[in-house]
Amino acid sequence: LQSSPAGGVSANVVVAKDGTGNYRTVSEAVKAAPSY
């Protein structure tokens, strides 16, 4: 929460509308996340 802007966060996946991430929509990324 206190880290520098998102570029410095170690994320499991990236959402980007332009296709430069793992998914184009937030819903797709949430659906692919572990259930538990």
All heavy atoms as atom14 arrays in JSON, in Angstrom:
{
  "sequence": "LQSSPAGGVSANVVVAKDGTGNYRTVSEAVKAAPSY",
  "atom14_mask": [
    [1, 1, 1, 1, 1, 1, 1, 1, 0, 0, 0, 0, 0, 0],
    [1, 1, 1, 1, 1, 1, 1, 1, 1, 0, 0, 0, 0, 0],
    [1, 1, 1, 1, 1, 1, 0, 0, 0, 0, 0, 0, 0, 0],
    [1, 1, 1, 1, 1, 1, 0, 0, 0, 0, 0, 0, 0, 0],
    [1, 1, 1, 1, 1, 1, 1, 0, 0, 0, 0, 0, 0, 0],
    [1, 1, 1, 1, 1, 0, 0, 0, 0, 0, 0, 0, 0, 0],
    [1, 1, 1, 1, 0, 0, 0, 0, 0, 0, 0, 0, 0, 0],
    [1, 1, 1, 1, 0, 0, 0, 0, 0, 0, 0, 0, 0, 0],
    [1, 1, 1, 1, 1, 1, 1, 0, 0, 0, 0, 0, 0, 0],
    [1, 1, 1, 1, 1, 1, 0, 0, 0, 0, 0, 0, 0, 0],
    [1, 1, 1, 1, 1, 0, 0, 0, 0, 0, 0, 0, 0, 0],
    [1, 1, 1, 1, 1, 1, 1, 1, 0, 0, 0, 0, 0, 0],
    [1, 1, 1, 1, 1, 1, 1, 0, 0, 0, 0, 0, 0, 0],
    [1, 1, 1, 1, 1, 1, 1, 0, 0, 0, 0, 0, 0, 0],
    [1, 1, 1, 1, 1, 1, 1, 0, 0, 0, 0, 0, 0, 0],
    [1, 1, 1, 1, 1, 0, 0, 0, 0, 0, 0, 0, 0, 0],
    [1, 1, 1, 1, 1, 1, 1, 1, 1, 0, 0, 0, 0, 0],
    [1, 1, 1, 1, 1, 1, 1, 1, 0, 0, 0, 0, 0, 0],
    [1, 1, 1, 1, 0, 0, 0, 0, 0, 0, 0, 0, 0, 0],
    [1, 1, 1, 1, 1, 1, 1, 0, 0, 0, 0, 0, 0, 0],
    [1, 1, 1, 1, 0, 0, 0, 0, 0, 0, 0, 0, 0, 0],
    [1, 1, 1, 1, 1, 1, 1, 1, 0, 0, 0, 0, 0, 0],
    [1, 1, 1, 1, 1, 1, 1, 1, 1, 1, 1, 1, 0, 0],
    [1, 1, 1, 1, 1, 1, 1, 1, 1, 1, 1, 0, 0, 0],
    [1, 1, 1, 1, 1, 1, 1, 0, 0, 0, 0, 0, 0, 0],
    [1, 1, 1, 1, 1, 1, 1, 0, 0, 0, 0, 0, 0, 0],
    [1, 1, 1, 1, 1, 1, 0, 0, 0, 0, 0, 0, 0, 0],
    [1, 1, 1, 1, 1, 1, 1, 1, 1, 0, 0, 0, 0, 0],
    [1, 1, 1, 1, 1, 0, 0, 0, 0, 0, 0, 0, 0, 0],
    [1, 1, 1, 1, 1, 1, 1, 0, 0, 0, 0, 0, 0, 0],
    [1, 1, 1, 1, 1, 1, 1, 1, 1, 0, 0, 0, 0, 0],
    [1, 1, 1, 1, 1, 0, 0, 0, 0, 0, 0, 0, 0, 0],
    [1, 1, 1, 1, 1, 0, 0, 0, 0, 0, 0, 0, 0, 0],
    [1, 1, 1, 1, 1, 1, 1, 0, 0, 0, 0, 0, 0, 0],
    [1, 1, 1, 1, 1, 1, 0, 0, 0, 0, 0, 0, 0, 0],
    [1, 1, 1, 1, 1, 1, 1, 1, 1, 1, 1, 1, 0, 0]
  ],
  "atom14_positions": [
    [[0.81, -1.2, 0.0], [0.0, 0.0, 0.0], [0.85, 1.26, 0.0], [0.5, 2.27, -0.6], [-0.93, 0.01, 1.22], [-2.13, -0.95, 1.15], [-2.81, -1.05, 2.51], [-3.13, -0.48, 0.11], [0.0, 0.0, 0.0], [0.0, 0.0, 0.0], [0.0, 0.0, 0.0], [0.0, 0.0, 0.0], [0.0, 0.0, 0.0], [0.0, 0.0, 0.0]],
    [[2.01, 1.21, 0.66], [2.83, 2.4, 0.8], [3.96, 2.49, -0.22], [4.71, 3.45, -0.22], [3.44, 2.42, 2.21], [2.4, 2.49, 3.32], [3.01, 2.45, 4.69], [3.66, 3.4, 5.12], [2.83, 1.35, 5.4], [0.0, 0.0, 0.0], [0.0, 0.0, 0.0], [0.0, 0.0, 0.0], [0.0, 0.0, 0.0], [0.0, 0.0, 0.0]],
    [[4.05, 1.49, -1.08], [5.15, 1.47, -2.05], [4.98, 2.56, -3.1], [3.94, 3.2, -3.2], [5.24, 0.1, -2.72], [4.06, -0.19, -3.42], [0.0, 0.0, 0.0], [0.0, 0.0, 0.0], [0.0, 0.0, 0.0], [0.0, 0.0, 0.0], [0.0, 0.0, 0.0], [0.0, 0.0, 0.0], [0.0, 0.0, 0.0], [0.0, 0.0, 0.0]],
    [[5.99, 2.72, -3.92], [5.95, 3.71, -4.99], [4.89, 3.32, -6.0], [4.37, 2.21, -5.95], [7.32, 3.79, -5.66], [7.69, 2.52, -6.17], [0.0, 0.0, 0.0], [0.0, 0.0, 0.0], [0.0, 0.0, 0.0], [0.0, 0.0, 0.0], [0.0, 0.0, 0.0], [0.0, 0.0, 0.0], [0.0, 0.0, 0.0], [0.0, 0.0, 0.0]],
    [[4.54, 4.2, -6.96], [3.5, 3.89, -7.92], [3.64, 2.52, -8.55], [4.68, 1.89, -8.5], [3.64, 5.02, -8.94], [4.16, 6.16, -8.15], [5.08, 5.55, -7.12], [0.0, 0.0, 0.0], [0.0, 0.0, 0.0], [0.0, 0.0, 0.0], [0.0, 0.0, 0.0], [0.0, 0.0, 0.0], [0.0, 0.0, 0.0], [0.0, 0.0, 0.0]],
    [[2.54, 2.1, -9.19], [2.37, 0.7, -9.56], [3.55, 0.06, -10.28], [3.74, -1.14, -10.2], [1.12, 0.57, -10.43], [0.0, 0.0, 0.0], [0.0, 0.0, 0.0], [0.0, 0.0, 0.0], [0.0, 0.0, 0.0], [0.0, 0.0, 0.0], [0.0, 0.0, 0.0], [0.0, 0.0, 0.0], [0.0, 0.0, 0.0], [0.0, 0.0, 0.0]],
    [[4.34, 0.84, -10.98], [5.47, 0.26, -11.69], [6.44, -0.46, -10.79], [7.16, -1.35, -11.21], [0.0, 0.0, 0.0], [0.0, 0.0, 0.0], [0.0, 0.0, 0.0], [0.0, 0.0, 0.0], [0.0, 0.0, 0.0], [0.0, 0.0, 0.0], [0.0, 0.0, 0.0], [0.0, 0.0, 0.0], [0.0, 0.0, 0.0], [0.0, 0.0, 0.0]],
    [[6.47, -0.06, -9.5], [7.39, -0.69, -8.57], [6.81, -1.86, -7.83], [7.47, -2.47, -7.0], [0.0, 0.0, 0.0], [0.0, 0.0, 0.0], [0.0, 0.0, 0.0], [0.0, 0.0, 0.0], [0.0, 0.0, 0.0], [0.0, 0.0, 0.0], [0.0, 0.0, 0.0], [0.0, 0.0, 0.0], [0.0, 0.0, 0.0], [0.0, 0.0, 0.0]],
    [[5.54, -2.22, -8.1], [4.89, -3.32, -7.42], [5.13, -4.61, -8.16], [5.03, -4.68, -9.39], [3.37, -3.05, -7.31], [2.64, -4.28, -6.79], [3.11, -1.86, -6.42], [0.0, 0.0, 0.0], [0.0, 0.0, 0.0], [0.0, 0.0, 0.0], [0.0, 0.0, 0.0], [0.0, 0.0, 0.0], [0.0, 0.0, 0.0], [0.0, 0.0, 0.0]],
    [[5.47, -5.65, -7.42], [5.64, -6.96, -8.03], [4.27, -7.61, -8.14], [3.72, -8.11, -7.16], [6.57, -7.83, -7.17], [6.69, -9.11, -7.73], [0.0, 0.0, 0.0], [0.0, 0.0, 0.0], [0.0, 0.0, 0.0], [0.0, 0.0, 0.0], [0.0, 0.0, 0.0], [0.0, 0.0, 0.0], [0.0, 0.0, 0.0], [0.0, 0.0, 0.0]],
    [[3.67, -7.55, -9.33], [2.32, -8.04, -9.54], [2.34, -9.46, -10.1], [3.26, -9.85, -10.83], [1.56, -7.12, -10.49], [0.0, 0.0, 0.0], [0.0, 0.0, 0.0], [0.0, 0.0, 0.0], [0.0, 0.0, 0.0], [0.0, 0.0, 0.0], [0.0, 0.0, 0.0], [0.0, 0.0, 0.0], [0.0, 0.0, 0.0], [0.0, 0.0, 0.0]],
    [[1.29, -10.21, -9.8], [1.16, -11.55, -10.37], [0.78, -11.47, -11.85], [1.28, -12.24, -12.66], [0.09, -12.34, -9.62], [0.48, -12.6, -8.17], [0.21, -11.79, -7.3], [1.13, -13.73, -7.93], [0.0, 0.0, 0.0], [0.0, 0.0, 0.0], [0.0, 0.0, 0.0], [0.0, 0.0, 0.0], [0.0, 0.0, 0.0], [0.0, 0.0, 0.0]],
    [[-0.11, -10.53, -12.18], [-0.51, -10.33, -13.58], [-0.74, -8.85, -13.82], [-0.92, -8.06, -12.88], [-1.79, -11.12, -13.94], [-1.56, -12.62, -13.88], [-2.95, -10.72, -13.05], [0.0, 0.0, 0.0], [0.0, 0.0, 0.0], [0.0, 0.0, 0.0], [0.0, 0.0, 0.0], [0.0, 0.0, 0.0], [0.0, 0.0, 0.0], [0.0, 0.0, 0.0]],
    [[-0.76, -8.48, -15.1], [-0.96, -7.08, -15.5], [-2.16, -7.0, -16.44], [-2.31, -7.83, -17.35], [0.29, -6.52, -16.2], [0.03, -5.1, -16.7], [1.49, -6.54, -15.25], [0.0, 0.0, 0.0], [0.0, 0.0, 0.0], [0.0, 0.0, 0.0], [0.0, 0.0, 0.0], [0.0, 0.0, 0.0], [0.0, 0.0, 0.0], [0.0, 0.0, 0.0]],
    [[-3.01, -6.01, -16.2], [-4.14, -5.72, -17.08], [-3.82, -4.45, -17.85], [-3.44, -3.44, -17.26], [-5.44, -5.54, -16.28], [-6.6, -5.15, -17.21], [-5.79, -6.8, -15.51], [0.0, 0.0, 0.0], [0.0, 0.0, 0.0], [0.0, 0.0, 0.0], [0.0, 0.0, 0.0], [0.0, 0.0, 0.0], [0.0, 0.0, 0.0], [0.0, 0.0, 0.0]],
    [[-3.97, -4.51, -19.17], [-3.72, -3.32, -20.01], [-4.66, -3.35, -21.2], [-4.75, -4.37, -21.91], [-2.27, -3.29, -20.48], [0.0, 0.0, 0.0], [0.0, 0.0, 0.0], [0.0, 0.0, 0.0], [0.0, 0.0, 0.0], [0.0, 0.0, 0.0], [0.0, 0.0, 0.0], [0.0, 0.0, 0.0], [0.0, 0.0, 0.0], [0.0, 0.0, 0.0]],
    [[-5.36, -2.25, -21.45], [-6.31, -2.19, -22.55], [-5.62, -2.35, -23.91], [-6.23, -2.84, -24.87], [-7.08, -0.87, -22.52], [-8.04, -0.74, -21.35], [-8.9, 0.5, -21.5], [-9.88, 0.33, -22.67], [-10.82, 1.46, -22.76], [0.0, 0.0, 0.0], [0.0, 0.0, 0.0], [0.0, 0.0, 0.0], [0.0, 0.0, 0.0], [0.0, 0.0, 0.0]],
    [[-4.37, -1.93, -23.99], [-3.68, -1.95, -25.28], [-3.03, -3.3, -25.59], [-2.32, -3.44, -26.6], [-2.63, -0.85, -25.33], [-1.55, -1.0, -24.24], [-1.57, -2.03, -23.53], [-0.72, -0.09, -24.11], [0.0, 0.0, 0.0], [0.0, 0.0, 0.0], [0.0, 0.0, 0.0], [0.0, 0.0, 0.0], [0.0, 0.0, 0.0], [0.0, 0.0, 0.0]],
    [[-3.23, -4.28, -24.74], [-2.71, -5.61, -25.02], [-1.28, -5.84, -24.57], [-0.72, -6.91, -24.81], [0.0, 0.0, 0.0], [0.0, 0.0, 0.0], [0.0, 0.0, 0.0], [0.0, 0.0, 0.0], [0.0, 0.0, 0.0], [0.0, 0.0, 0.0], [0.0, 0.0, 0.0], [0.0, 0.0, 0.0], [0.0, 0.0, 0.0], [0.0, 0.0, 0.0]],
    [[-0.69, -4.89, -23.84], [0.7, -5.05, -23.39], [0.81, -5.82, -22.08], [1.91, -6.05, -21.59], [1.37, -3.68, -23.22], [0.61, -2.89, -22.3], [1.44, -2.96, -24.57], [0.0, 0.0, 0.0], [0.0, 0.0, 0.0], [0.0, 0.0, 0.0], [0.0, 0.0, 0.0], [0.0, 0.0, 0.0], [0.0, 0.0, 0.0], [0.0, 0.0, 0.0]],
    [[-0.32, -6.21, -21.51], [-0.31, -6.98, -20.27], [-0.75, -8.42, -20.51], [-0.81, -8.9, -21.64], [0.0, 0.0, 0.0], [0.0, 0.0, 0.0], [0.0, 0.0, 0.0], [0.0, 0.0, 0.0], [0.0, 0.0, 0.0], [0.0, 0.0, 0.0], [0.0, 0.0, 0.0], [0.0, 0.0, 0.0], [0.0, 0.0, 0.0], [0.0, 0.0, 0.0]],
    [[-1.1, -9.09, -19.43], [-1.58, -10.46, -19.52], [-3.05, -10.52, -19.93], [-3.49, -11.5, -20.55], [-1.41, -11.17, -18.17], [0.01, -11.13, -17.66], [0.36, -10.25, -16.88], [0.85, -12.05, -18.13], [0.0, 0.0, 0.0], [0.0, 0.0, 0.0], [0.0, 0.0, 0.0], [0.0, 0.0, 0.0], [0.0, 0.0, 0.0], [0.0, 0.0, 0.0]],
    [[-3.8, -9.48, -19.57], [-5.23, -9.45, -19.88], [-5.62, -8.03, -20.29], [-4.96, -7.06, -19.92], [-6.06, -9.87, -18.66], [-5.7, -11.23, -18.13], [-4.82, -11.37, -17.06], [-6.23, -12.39, -18.7], [-4.48, -12.62, -16.57], [-5.89, -13.65, -18.22], [-5.01, -13.76, -17.16], [-4.66, -15.0, -16.69], [0.0, 0.0, 0.0], [0.0, 0.0, 0.0]],
    [[-6.72, -7.95, -21.05], [-7.21, -6.64, -21.48], [-8.29, -6.08, -20.57], [-8.58, -4.88, -20.63], [-7.77, -6.74, -22.92], [-6.69, -6.96, -23.98], [-7.31, -7.06, -25.36], [-6.31, -7.25, -26.4], [-5.7, -6.26, -27.05], [-6.02, -5.0, -26.78], [-4.8, -6.53, -27.97], [0.0, 0.0, 0.0], [0.0, 0.0, 0.0], [0.0, 0.0, 0.0]],
    [[-8.93, -6.92, -19.75], [-9.98, -6.45, -18.85], [-9.71, -6.92, -17.43], [-9.04, -7.93, -17.2], [-11.37, -6.97, -19.27], [-11.44, -8.39, -19.06], [-11.66, -6.65, -20.73], [0.0, 0.0, 0.0], [0.0, 0.0, 0.0], [0.0, 0.0, 0.0], [0.0, 0.0, 0.0], [0.0, 0.0, 0.0], [0.0, 0.0, 0.0], [0.0, 0.0, 0.0]],
    [[-10.26, -6.17, -16.48], [-10.11, -6.53, -15.07], [-10.84, -7.83, -14.78], [-10.35, -8.7, -14.05], [-10.66, -5.39, -14.17], [-10.54, -5.78, -12.69], [-9.93, -4.08, -14.45], [0.0, 0.0, 0.0], [0.0, 0.0, 0.0], [0.0, 0.0, 0.0], [0.0, 0.0, 0.0], [0.0, 0.0, 0.0], [0.0, 0.0, 0.0], [0.0, 0.0, 0.0]],
    [[-12.01, -8.0, -15.37], [-12.81, -9.21, -15.14], [-12.05, -10.47, -15.55], [-12.11, -11.49, -14.86], [-14.13, -9.13, -15.91], [-14.92, -8.05, -15.45], [0.0, 0.0, 0.0], [0.0, 0.0, 0.0], [0.0, 0.0, 0.0], [0.0, 0.0, 0.0], [0.0, 0.0, 0.0], [0.0, 0.0, 0.0], [0.0, 0.0, 0.0], [0.0, 0.0, 0.0]],
    [[-11.33, -10.41, -16.67], [-10.56, -11.58, -17.12], [-9.46, -11.93, -16.13], [-9.23, -13.1, -15.83], [-9.94, -11.28, -18.5], [-10.94, -11.24, -19.63], [-10.31, -10.8, -20.94], [-9.32, -10.03, -20.9], [-10.79, -11.23, -22.0], [0.0, 0.0, 0.0], [0.0, 0.0, 0.0], [0.0, 0.0, 0.0], [0.0, 0.0, 0.0], [0.0, 0.0, 0.0]],
    [[-8.8, -10.91, -15.61], [-7.72, -11.15, -14.64], [-8.27, -11.74, -13.34], [-7.67, -12.65, -12.77], [-6.97, -9.85, -14.36], [0.0, 0.0, 0.0], [0.0, 0.0, 0.0], [0.0, 0.0, 0.0], [0.0, 0.0, 0.0], [0.0, 0.0, 0.0], [0.0, 0.0, 0.0], [0.0, 0.0, 0.0], [0.0, 0.0, 0.0], [0.0, 0.0, 0.0]],
    [[-9.4, -11.24, -12.89], [-10.02, -11.77, -11.66], [-10.47, -13.21, -11.88], [-10.28, -14.07, -11.02], [-11.2, -10.88, -11.23], [-11.99, -11.54, -10.1], [-10.71, -9.5, -10.81], [0.0, 0.0, 0.0], [0.0, 0.0, 0.0], [0.0, 0.0, 0.0], [0.0, 0.0, 0.0], [0.0, 0.0, 0.0], [0.0, 0.0, 0.0], [0.0, 0.0, 0.0]],
    [[-11.05, -13.49, -13.03], [-11.51, -14.84, -13.32], [-10.36, -15.84, -13.32], [-10.51, -16.99, -12.9], [-12.21, -14.86, -14.69], [-12.82, -16.21, -15.05], [-13.55, -16.14, -16.39], [-14.14, -17.5, -16.76], [-14.85, -17.44, -18.08], [0.0, 0.0, 0.0], [0.0, 0.0, 0.0], [0.0, 0.0, 0.0], [0.0, 0.0, 0.0], [0.0, 0.0, 0.0]],
    [[-9.19, -15.42, -13.77], [-8.03, -16.31, -13.85], [-7.28, -16.45, -12.52], [-6.42, -17.32, -12.38], [-7.06, -15.8, -14.92], [0.0, 0.0, 0.0], [0.0, 0.0, 0.0], [0.0, 0.0, 0.0], [0.0, 0.0, 0.0], [0.0, 0.0, 0.0], [0.0, 0.0, 0.0], [0.0, 0.0, 0.0], [0.0, 0.0, 0.0], [0.0, 0.0, 0.0]],
    [[-7.61, -15.61, -11.54], [-6.92, -15.66, -10.24], [-7.29, -16.94, -9.49], [-8.33, -17.54, -9.75], [-7.31, -14.44, -9.41], [0.0, 0.0, 0.0], [0.0, 0.0, 0.0], [0.0, 0.0, 0.0], [0.0, 0.0, 0.0], [0.0, 0.0, 0.0], [0.0, 0.0, 0.0], [0.0, 0.0, 0.0], [0.0, 0.0, 0.0], [0.0, 0.0, 0.0]],
    [[-6.44, -17.39, -8.58], [-6.74, -18.6, -7.81], [-8.05, -18.44, -7.04], [-8.33, -17.38, -6.48], [-5.56, -18.71, -6.84], [-4.47, -17.88, -7.44], [-5.14, -16.79, -8.19], [0.0, 0.0, 0.0], [0.0, 0.0, 0.0], [0.0, 0.0, 0.0], [0.0, 0.0, 0.0], [0.0, 0.0, 0.0], [0.0, 0.0, 0.0], [0.0, 0.0, 0.0]],
    [[-8.84, -19.49, -7.01], [-10.12, -19.44, -6.29], [-9.9, -19.35, -4.79], [-10.63, -18.66, -4.08], [-10.96, -20.68, -6.62], [-11.3, -20.7, -7.99], [0.0, 0.0, 0.0], [0.0, 0.0, 0.0], [0.0, 0.0, 0.0], [0.0, 0.0, 0.0], [0.0, 0.0, 0.0], [0.0, 0.0, 0.0], [0.0, 0.0, 0.0], [0.0, 0.0, 0.0]],
    [[-8.88, -20.06, -4.3], [-8.57, -20.03, -2.87], [-7.06, -19.85, -2.71], [-6.29, -20.62, -3.25], [-9.02, -21.32, -2.18], [-10.5, -21.59, -2.32], [-10.97, -22.45, -3.29], [-11.41, -20.97, -1.47], [-12.33, -22.68, -3.44], [-12.77, -21.2, -1.6], [-13.23, -22.06, -2.58], [-14.57, -22.29, -2.72], [0.0, 0.0, 0.0], [0.0, 0.0, 0.0]]
  ]
}
